[in-house]
């Protein structure tokens, strides 16, 4: 459940960009 957190964070960052 660690890699999933990174993926979700990256997607949120991309959406915020």
PDB file of N, CA and C in Angstrom:
ATOM      1  N   UNK A   1       0.849  -1.204   0.000  1.00  0.00           N
ATOM      2  CA  UNK A   1       0.000   0.000   0.000  1.00  0.00           C
ATOM      3  C   UNK A   1       0.885   1.256   0.000  1.00  0.00           C
ATOM      4  N   UNK A   2       2.153   1.055  -0.330  1.00  0.00           N
ATOM      5  CA  UNK A   2       3.069   2.205  -0.339  1.00  0.00           C
ATOM      6  C   UNK A   2       3.162   2.792  -1.741  1.00  0.00           C
ATOM      7  N   UNK A   3       3.287   1.873  -2.726  1.00  0.00           N
ATOM      8  CA  UNK A   3       3.385   2.363  -4.118  1.00  0.00           C
ATOM      9  C   UNK A   3       2.087   3.058  -4.533  1.00  0.00           C
ATOM     10  N   UNK A   4       0.972   2.512  -4.105  1.00  0.00           N
ATOM     11  CA  UNK A   4      -0.325   3.117  -4.464  1.00  0.00           C
ATOM     12  C   UNK A   4      -0.391   4.565  -3.987  1.00  0.00           C
ATOM     13  N   UNK A   5       0.121   4.801  -2.770  1.00  0.00           N
ATOM     14  CA  UNK A   5       0.091   6.166  -2.209  1.00  0.00           C
ATOM     15  C   UNK A   5       0.877   7.115  -3.106  1.00  0.00           C
ATOM     16  N   UNK A   6       2.047   6.664  -3.588  1.00  0.00           N
ATOM     17  CA  UNK A   6       2.869   7.515  -4.469  1.00  0.00           C
ATOM     18  C   UNK A   6       2.128   7.804  -5.767  1.00  0.00           C
ATOM     19  N   UNK A   7       1.470   6.776  -6.309  1.00  0.00           N
ATOM     20  CA  UNK A   7       0.737   6.960  -7.585  1.00  0.00           C
ATOM     21  C   UNK A   7      -0.390   7.972  -7.396  1.00  0.00           C
ATOM     22  N   UNK A   8      -1.093   7.829  -6.288  1.00  0.00           N
ATOM     23  CA  UNK A   8      -2.218   8.748  -6.033  1.00  0.00           C
ATOM     24  C   UNK A   8      -1.700  10.172  -5.857  1.00  0.00           C
ATOM     25  N   UNK A   9      -0.566  10.280  -5.172  1.00  0.00           N
ATOM     26  CA  UNK A   9       0.021  11.611  -4.949  1.00  0.00           C
ATOM     27  C   UNK A   9       0.422  12.226  -6.274  1.00  0.00           C
ATOM     28  N   UNK A  10       1.022  11.441  -7.134  1.00  0.00           N
ATOM     29  CA  UNK A  10       1.476  11.951  -8.445  1.00  0.00           C
ATOM     30  C   UNK A  10       0.264  12.393  -9.268  1.00  0.00           C
ATOM     31  N   UNK A  11      -0.793  11.620  -9.221  1.00  0.00           N
ATOM     32  CA  UNK A  11      -1.997  11.973 -10.017  1.00  0.00           C
ATOM     33  C   UNK A  11      -2.610  13.260  -9.480  1.00  0.00           C
ATOM     34  N   UNK A  12      -2.632  13.410  -8.180  1.00  0.00           N
ATOM     35  CA  UNK A  12      -3.220  14.629  -7.579  1.00  0.00           C
ATOM     36  C   UNK A  12      -2.365  15.836  -7.958  1.00  0.00           C
ATOM     37  N   UNK A  13      -1.038  15.639  -7.949  1.00  0.00           N
ATOM     38  CA  UNK A  13      -0.125  16.744  -8.294  1.00  0.00           C
ATOM     39  C   UNK A  13      -0.337  17.141  -9.751  1.00  0.00           C
ATOM     40  N   UNK A  14      -0.504  16.150 -10.600  1.00  0.00           N
ATOM     41  CA  UNK A  14      -0.694  16.429 -12.040  1.00  0.00           C
ATOM     42  C   UNK A  14      -2.015  17.179 -12.244  1.00  0.00           C
ATOM     43  N   UNK A  15      -3.024  16.771 -11.505  1.00  0.00           N
ATOM     44  CA  UNK A  15      -4.337  17.422 -11.657  1.00  0.00           C
ATOM     45  C   UNK A  15      -4.256  18.866 -11.146  1.00  0.00           C
ATOM     46  N   UNK A  16      -3.494  19.030 -10.081  1.00  0.00           N
ATOM     47  CA  UNK A  16      -3.370  20.375  -9.480  1.00  0.00           C
ATOM     48  C   UNK A  16      -2.593  21.270 -10.449  1.00  0.00           C
ATOM     49  N   UNK A  17      -1.656  20.689 -11.163  1.00  0.00           N
ATOM     50  CA  UNK A  17      -0.850  21.483 -12.111  1.00  0.00           C
ATOM     51  C   UNK A  17      -1.796  21.999 -13.184  1.00  0.00           C
TER      52      UNK A  17
END
